[in-house]
Amino acid sequence: MPVKTYAEALCQSLIDTCEAEPNLIFIPAAFGGLSPHAASFRPFYARYADRILGAPIAEIALCGIGVGAAIGGLRPVIDVLSASFLYQGIAQVVNEAANVLYMTDGKTACPVIFHAMQGVLPGEAAQHNRCLSAELWNSPGLEIVLPASPEDAAGLWKTAVASPNPTVFMDHQLLMGLTQDVPDHVDPIPFGQARICREGKDVTVVATLAAVPRALEAAERLAREDGVAVEVVDPRTLVPFDEETVVQSVRKTGRAVVADETIRSCGVAAEIAARIQERCWGVLKAPVKRVTLPDVPIPFSRPQEAVVWLTPEKIAQAVREVLAWR
């Protein structure tokens, strides 16, 4: 089984889905963002240049075109590069695409994919580092996909392309170089099926996107230094959300930490923690702990940025705190 980077696995999945779906188009296409691994997508760009439409920086227009093209029978992918830029077209995403199926009594589908990079990057400051998962989760009608591994990116992309629903597919630029053994043919991965990345018996860590490898690093350190067995669960999609897998894990361990790069107030971690608290109250041995960004804009100053950064050390400290609870 060949070793592939996240970017390479996703590139192959883009090629596979273009071969299978003649109506798949891209407006525009900036997979890989500004990362060093953006070049890994050149095979896709070269083979399917005729499917990629150049576009101005006008997200409100692009998202609106995507909704109309999807209703008209195409399968458009609207790539806004940074999740922060989705704010420019947010009405088309949450007030149009998300509502089409409901407002037409199920008669009109809107299979558009909104693609963006989400997550904190060094030196990107406040206007390029917004994490919109929570805002989008608060808009019924959208599927929300957050891959955290090469194989998941490839498999979840295939499911997104086949879905009849509007989907927001978020990559994290810092995951583009992540490597994994990936088969040449990756099957579609159903939405709403969490992945147990590491099994453990002492505490459950639920993590998303770039927080997943950081949680795994924290789990390895805790096993080595403290003899603690951490179970790491990656939901993979927020909508649909695999609540049962999370609940089963927490009922086994009795303790939970949630790590996510949205802010603390009303963020993804807050919602997951609330669900755990509701479903696992009788078995919890400690309050659910959140590891998130603080409620501040992301600073440009590198020393200040280091304070807000979500790190393996912060996850490990949160695990130690729930284990020490009496």
Protein backbone atom coordinates (compact mmCIF):
# COMPACT_ATOMS: atom_id res chain seq x y z
CA MET A 1 0.00 0.00 0.00
CA PRO A 2 1.65 3.29 -1.06
CA VAL A 3 2.38 6.09 1.39
CA LYS A 4 0.64 9.29 0.33
CA THR A 5 0.36 12.76 1.72
CA TYR A 6 -3.03 14.24 2.45
CA ALA A 7 -2.62 16.42 -0.67
CA GLU A 8 -1.72 13.45 -2.89
CA ALA A 9 -4.63 11.34 -1.64
CA LEU A 10 -7.11 14.17 -2.14
CA CYS A 11 -5.70 14.90 -5.60
CA GLN A 12 -6.29 11.31 -6.67
CA SER A 13 -9.83 11.48 -5.31
CA LEU A 14 -10.47 14.65 -7.32
CA ILE A 15 -9.34 12.81 -10.46
CA ASP A 16 -11.45 9.76 -9.63
CA THR A 17 -14.60 11.81 -9.07
CA CYS A 18 -14.09 13.82 -12.26
CA GLU A 19 -13.82 10.57 -14.20
CA ALA A 20 -17.03 9.27 -12.63
CA GLU A 21 -19.09 12.48 -12.65
CA PRO A 22 -19.16 14.45 -15.94
CA ASN A 23 -21.12 17.33 -14.39
CA LEU A 24 -18.48 18.06 -11.73
CA ILE A 25 -17.04 21.56 -12.22
CA PHE A 26 -14.79 23.82 -10.12
CA ILE A 27 -15.14 27.60 -9.67
CA PRO A 28 -12.18 28.19 -9.18
CA ALA A 29 -9.81 25.53 -7.74
CA ALA A 30 -7.12 26.30 -5.18
CA PHE A 31 -6.64 22.98 -3.42
CA GLY A 32 -3.60 22.98 -1.17
CA GLY A 33 -3.91 26.71 -0.63
CA LEU A 34 -0.55 28.40 -0.19
CA SER A 35 1.08 25.37 1.40
CA PRO A 36 4.23 23.76 -0.04
CA HIS A 37 2.03 20.80 -0.99
CA ALA A 38 -0.18 22.78 -3.36
CA ALA A 39 1.99 21.44 -6.20
CA SER A 40 0.68 17.94 -5.44
CA PHE A 41 -2.58 18.90 -7.16
CA ARG A 42 -0.93 19.61 -10.53
CA PRO A 43 -1.99 16.22 -12.01
CA PHE A 44 -5.62 17.15 -11.35
CA TYR A 45 -5.24 20.67 -12.75
CA ALA A 46 -3.51 19.37 -15.89
CA ARG A 47 -6.01 16.59 -16.60
CA TYR A 48 -9.18 18.53 -15.94
CA ALA A 49 -8.31 22.11 -16.84
CA ASP A 50 -11.53 22.26 -18.85
CA ARG A 51 -13.57 21.66 -15.68
CA ILE A 52 -11.94 24.57 -13.81
CA LEU A 53 -13.38 28.05 -14.36
CA GLY A 54 -11.30 31.08 -13.49
CA ALA A 55 -13.11 33.57 -11.31
CA PRO A 56 -12.57 36.98 -9.72
CA ILE A 57 -12.31 37.45 -5.98
CA ALA A 58 -16.03 37.90 -5.45
CA GLU A 59 -17.25 35.22 -3.05
CA ILE A 60 -20.83 36.48 -2.91
CA ALA A 61 -21.10 36.01 -6.67
CA LEU A 62 -19.27 32.68 -6.72
CA CYS A 63 -21.46 31.15 -4.00
CA GLY A 64 -24.59 32.41 -5.73
CA ILE A 65 -23.44 30.94 -9.06
CA GLY A 66 -22.78 27.65 -7.30
CA VAL A 67 -26.32 27.49 -5.92
CA GLY A 68 -27.83 28.23 -9.31
CA ALA A 69 -25.58 25.77 -11.14
CA ALA A 70 -26.42 23.01 -8.65
CA ILE A 71 -30.16 23.60 -8.99
CA GLY A 72 -29.68 23.59 -12.77
CA GLY A 73 -28.20 20.08 -12.79
CA LEU A 74 -24.44 20.57 -12.44
CA ARG A 75 -22.27 19.54 -9.49
CA PRO A 76 -20.28 22.69 -8.78
CA VAL A 77 -17.41 23.01 -6.32
CA ILE A 78 -17.01 26.59 -5.11
CA ASP A 79 -13.50 27.06 -3.74
CA VAL A 80 -13.16 30.20 -1.60
CA LEU A 81 -9.62 29.28 -0.43
CA SER A 82 -9.87 30.55 3.18
CA ALA A 83 -12.88 29.80 5.37
CA SER A 84 -12.71 33.44 6.47
CA PHE A 85 -13.80 34.43 2.97
CA LEU A 86 -17.02 32.44 3.28
CA TYR A 87 -18.37 35.39 5.24
CA GLN A 88 -18.48 37.29 1.95
CA GLY A 89 -20.91 34.74 0.49
CA ILE A 90 -22.56 33.55 3.69
CA ALA A 91 -26.12 34.46 2.67
CA GLN A 92 -25.86 32.20 -0.39
CA VAL A 93 -24.49 29.35 1.73
CA VAL A 94 -26.76 29.41 4.79
CA ASN A 95 -29.86 31.25 3.53
CA GLU A 96 -30.05 29.85 0.00
CA ALA A 97 -28.20 26.53 -0.47
CA ALA A 98 -29.08 25.23 2.99
CA ASN A 99 -32.80 26.01 2.55
CA VAL A 100 -33.54 24.95 -1.04
CA LEU A 101 -34.57 21.37 -0.27
CA TYR A 102 -36.82 22.41 2.62
CA MET A 103 -38.46 25.32 0.83
CA THR A 104 -39.32 23.22 -2.21
CA ASP A 105 -40.82 20.39 -0.16
CA GLY A 106 -37.98 18.08 -1.16
CA LYS A 107 -38.51 18.61 -4.88
CA THR A 108 -35.31 20.56 -5.65
CA ALA A 109 -31.85 19.40 -4.65
CA CYS A 110 -28.82 21.69 -4.41
CA PRO A 111 -25.71 19.47 -4.62
CA VAL A 112 -23.11 22.22 -4.34
CA ILE A 113 -19.80 21.77 -2.49
CA PHE A 114 -18.28 24.81 -0.79
CA HIS A 115 -14.58 24.10 -0.30
CA ALA A 116 -12.28 26.08 1.98
CA MET A 117 -9.22 25.90 4.19
CA GLN A 118 -10.10 26.18 7.87
CA GLY A 119 -7.84 26.44 10.87
CA VAL A 120 -5.16 28.57 12.43
CA LEU A 121 -2.01 29.14 10.37
CA PRO A 122 1.15 30.89 11.51
CA GLY A 123 1.27 34.58 10.61
CA GLU A 124 -2.20 34.71 9.03
CA ALA A 125 -3.68 36.96 11.75
CA ALA A 126 -7.32 37.76 12.41
CA GLN A 127 -8.79 38.03 8.91
CA HIS A 128 -7.45 34.74 7.52
CA ASN A 129 -7.76 32.45 10.53
CA ARG A 130 -11.48 32.24 11.20
CA CYS A 131 -12.94 28.80 11.93
CA LEU A 132 -16.57 28.71 10.77
CA SER A 133 -17.56 25.20 11.82
CA ALA A 134 -19.80 26.38 14.64
CA GLU A 135 -21.56 29.07 12.58
CA LEU A 136 -22.20 26.58 9.80
CA TRP A 137 -23.35 23.91 12.25
CA ASN A 138 -25.92 26.45 13.40
CA SER A 139 -27.42 26.51 9.88
CA PRO A 140 -29.59 23.41 9.31
CA GLY A 141 -29.47 21.96 5.81
CA LEU A 142 -25.70 21.86 5.30
CA GLU A 143 -23.45 18.81 5.52
CA ILE A 144 -20.14 19.70 7.18
CA VAL A 145 -17.03 17.63 6.50
CA LEU A 146 -13.73 17.94 8.43
CA PRO A 147 -11.19 15.33 7.27
CA ALA A 148 -8.09 14.80 9.40
CA SER A 149 -6.18 12.10 7.48
CA PRO A 150 -5.20 11.37 3.86
CA GLU A 151 -7.54 8.41 3.46
CA ASP A 152 -10.43 10.25 5.10
CA ALA A 153 -9.94 13.22 2.79
CA ALA A 154 -10.10 10.95 -0.26
CA GLY A 155 -13.06 8.88 0.89
CA LEU A 156 -15.12 11.74 2.28
CA TRP A 157 -14.58 13.74 -0.91
CA LYS A 158 -16.16 10.94 -2.94
CA THR A 159 -19.18 10.93 -0.65
CA ALA A 160 -19.48 14.72 -0.90
CA VAL A 161 -19.53 14.57 -4.70
CA ALA A 162 -22.27 11.93 -4.66
CA SER A 163 -24.39 13.72 -2.06
CA PRO A 164 -27.65 15.41 -3.12
CA ASN A 165 -27.19 17.99 -0.35
CA PRO A 166 -25.14 21.19 -0.08
CA THR A 167 -21.85 20.31 1.58
CA VAL A 168 -19.12 22.39 3.20
CA PHE A 169 -15.81 20.53 2.85
CA MET A 170 -13.04 21.96 5.03
CA ASP A 171 -9.37 21.09 4.67
CA HIS A 172 -6.63 22.29 7.01
CA GLN A 173 -3.53 23.60 5.29
CA LEU A 174 -1.27 22.21 8.02
CA LEU A 175 -2.55 18.68 7.29
CA MET A 176 -1.55 18.73 3.61
CA GLY A 177 1.80 17.07 4.30
CA LEU A 178 0.43 14.43 6.68
CA THR A 179 1.33 10.93 5.42
CA GLN A 180 -0.47 7.61 5.63
CA ASP A 181 -0.64 4.26 3.86
CA VAL A 182 -3.47 4.84 1.38
CA PRO A 183 -4.77 2.27 -1.13
CA ASP A 184 -4.78 3.20 -4.80
CA HIS A 185 -8.56 2.97 -4.75
CA VAL A 186 -10.29 4.55 -1.76
CA ASP A 187 -13.96 3.74 -1.28
CA PRO A 188 -16.40 6.48 -0.30
CA ILE A 189 -16.57 6.97 3.46
CA PRO A 190 -20.15 7.48 4.67
CA PHE A 191 -20.92 10.73 6.43
CA GLY A 192 -21.82 10.41 10.09
CA GLN A 193 -19.35 7.66 10.97
CA ALA A 194 -16.71 8.71 13.48
CA ARG A 195 -13.24 7.15 13.48
CA ILE A 196 -11.60 5.77 16.62
CA CYS A 197 -8.02 6.85 15.91
CA ARG A 198 -6.58 5.32 19.07
CA GLU A 199 -8.21 3.04 21.62
CA GLY A 200 -7.95 3.68 25.34
CA LYS A 201 -9.70 3.08 28.63
CA ASP A 202 -8.94 6.10 30.83
CA VAL A 203 -10.25 9.19 29.01
CA THR A 204 -11.85 10.06 25.67
CA VAL A 205 -10.49 12.92 23.58
CA VAL A 206 -12.83 14.05 20.81
CA ALA A 207 -10.88 16.08 18.24
CA THR A 208 -11.44 17.61 14.82
CA LEU A 209 -9.23 18.57 11.86
CA ALA A 210 -5.68 19.57 12.93
CA ALA A 211 -6.54 18.87 16.56
CA VAL A 212 -6.65 15.14 15.70
CA PRO A 213 -2.90 14.61 15.12
CA ARG A 214 -2.22 16.90 18.08
CA ALA A 215 -4.51 14.77 20.24
CA LEU A 216 -2.71 11.65 19.05
CA GLU A 217 0.63 13.24 19.94
CA ALA A 218 -0.73 14.12 23.38
CA ALA A 219 -2.04 10.57 23.83
CA GLU A 220 1.36 9.11 22.97
CA ARG A 221 3.07 11.42 25.44
CA LEU A 222 0.56 10.62 28.20
CA ALA A 223 1.00 6.89 27.64
CA ARG A 224 4.78 7.24 27.83
CA GLU A 225 5.01 9.68 30.74
CA ASP A 226 1.89 8.93 32.83
CA GLY A 227 0.81 5.43 31.81
CA VAL A 228 -2.57 6.84 30.71
CA ALA A 229 -4.57 5.15 27.93
CA VAL A 230 -6.33 7.87 25.92
CA GLU A 231 -9.02 7.05 23.37
CA VAL A 232 -9.02 9.54 20.48
CA VAL A 233 -12.24 9.93 18.49
CA ASP A 234 -12.48 11.93 15.25
CA PRO A 235 -16.11 12.66 14.27
CA ARG A 236 -15.00 13.34 10.65
CA THR A 237 -18.29 15.11 9.93
CA LEU A 238 -20.24 17.52 12.11
CA VAL A 239 -23.39 17.11 10.01
CA PRO A 240 -24.34 14.36 10.25
CA PHE A 241 -22.71 13.89 13.66
CA ASP A 242 -21.95 10.41 15.00
CA GLU A 243 -23.09 11.03 18.54
CA GLU A 244 -23.40 7.33 19.35
CA THR A 245 -19.71 6.54 18.84
CA VAL A 246 -18.71 9.49 21.01
CA VAL A 247 -21.18 8.53 23.73
CA GLN A 248 -20.12 4.88 23.73
CA SER A 249 -16.48 5.90 24.12
CA VAL A 250 -17.21 8.27 27.00
CA ARG A 251 -19.40 5.70 28.74
CA LYS A 252 -16.42 3.34 28.57
CA THR A 253 -13.81 5.80 29.87
CA GLY A 254 -15.96 8.00 32.13
CA ARG A 255 -13.99 11.13 31.22
CA ALA A 256 -13.96 13.43 28.19
CA VAL A 257 -11.89 16.21 26.64
CA VAL A 258 -12.96 17.97 23.43
CA ALA A 259 -10.33 19.71 21.25
CA ASP A 260 -11.26 21.99 18.37
CA GLU A 261 -9.98 25.24 16.83
CA THR A 262 -13.24 27.16 17.06
CA ILE A 263 -13.42 29.57 19.99
CA ARG A 264 -14.58 28.55 23.45
CA SER A 265 -17.93 30.36 23.48
CA CYS A 266 -20.63 28.67 21.39
CA GLY A 267 -17.98 26.69 19.51
CA VAL A 268 -17.87 23.12 18.21
CA ALA A 269 -16.27 21.90 21.44
CA ALA A 270 -19.04 23.55 23.45
CA GLU A 271 -21.75 21.71 21.49
CA ILE A 272 -20.01 18.33 21.67
CA ALA A 273 -19.36 18.80 25.39
CA ALA A 274 -23.05 19.61 25.93
CA ARG A 275 -24.13 16.45 24.14
CA ILE A 276 -21.72 14.34 26.18
CA GLN A 277 -22.96 15.94 29.40
CA GLU A 278 -26.60 15.21 28.46
CA ARG A 279 -26.05 11.61 27.40
CA CYS A 280 -23.33 10.54 29.87
CA TRP A 281 -24.22 12.37 33.08
CA GLY A 282 -24.58 9.23 35.16
CA VAL A 283 -21.18 7.79 34.20
CA LEU A 284 -18.99 10.90 34.06
CA LYS A 285 -16.25 10.88 36.68
CA ALA A 286 -15.28 14.51 35.98
CA PRO A 287 -16.69 17.52 34.13
CA VAL A 288 -16.09 17.57 30.38
CA LYS A 289 -13.05 19.72 29.55
CA ARG A 290 -12.69 21.86 26.40
CA VAL A 291 -9.44 22.74 24.63
CA THR A 292 -10.19 25.54 22.18
CA LEU A 293 -9.05 28.92 21.00
CA PRO A 294 -9.80 31.75 23.44
CA ASP A 295 -12.49 34.31 22.60
CA VAL A 296 -10.10 36.71 20.89
CA PRO A 297 -9.11 37.53 17.30
CA ILE A 298 -6.00 35.61 16.22
CA PRO A 299 -3.03 37.95 16.75
CA PHE A 300 -0.38 38.61 14.12
CA SER A 301 2.36 38.87 16.75
CA ARG A 302 4.14 35.51 16.94
CA PRO A 303 4.59 35.56 20.76
CA GLN A 304 0.89 36.38 21.20
CA GLU A 305 -0.07 33.81 18.57
CA ALA A 306 1.78 31.14 20.57
CA VAL A 307 -0.45 31.88 23.56
CA VAL A 308 -3.70 31.12 21.70
CA TRP A 309 -2.36 28.18 19.64
CA LEU A 310 -4.05 24.81 20.26
CA THR A 311 -1.18 22.47 21.13
CA PRO A 312 -0.62 18.84 22.17
CA GLU A 313 0.62 20.20 25.51
CA LYS A 314 -2.71 21.91 26.18
CA ILE A 315 -4.60 18.73 25.31
CA ALA A 316 -2.35 16.66 27.57
CA GLN A 317 -2.85 19.16 30.42
CA ALA A 318 -6.63 18.96 30.01
CA VAL A 319 -6.46 15.17 30.18
CA ARG A 320 -4.39 15.34 33.37
CA GLU A 321 -6.93 17.73 34.89
CA VAL A 322 -9.93 15.47 34.25
CA LEU A 323 -7.98 12.50 35.57
CA ALA A 324 -7.11 14.43 38.75
CA TRP A 325 -10.70 15.49 39.39
CA ARG A 326 -12.02 14.33 42.77
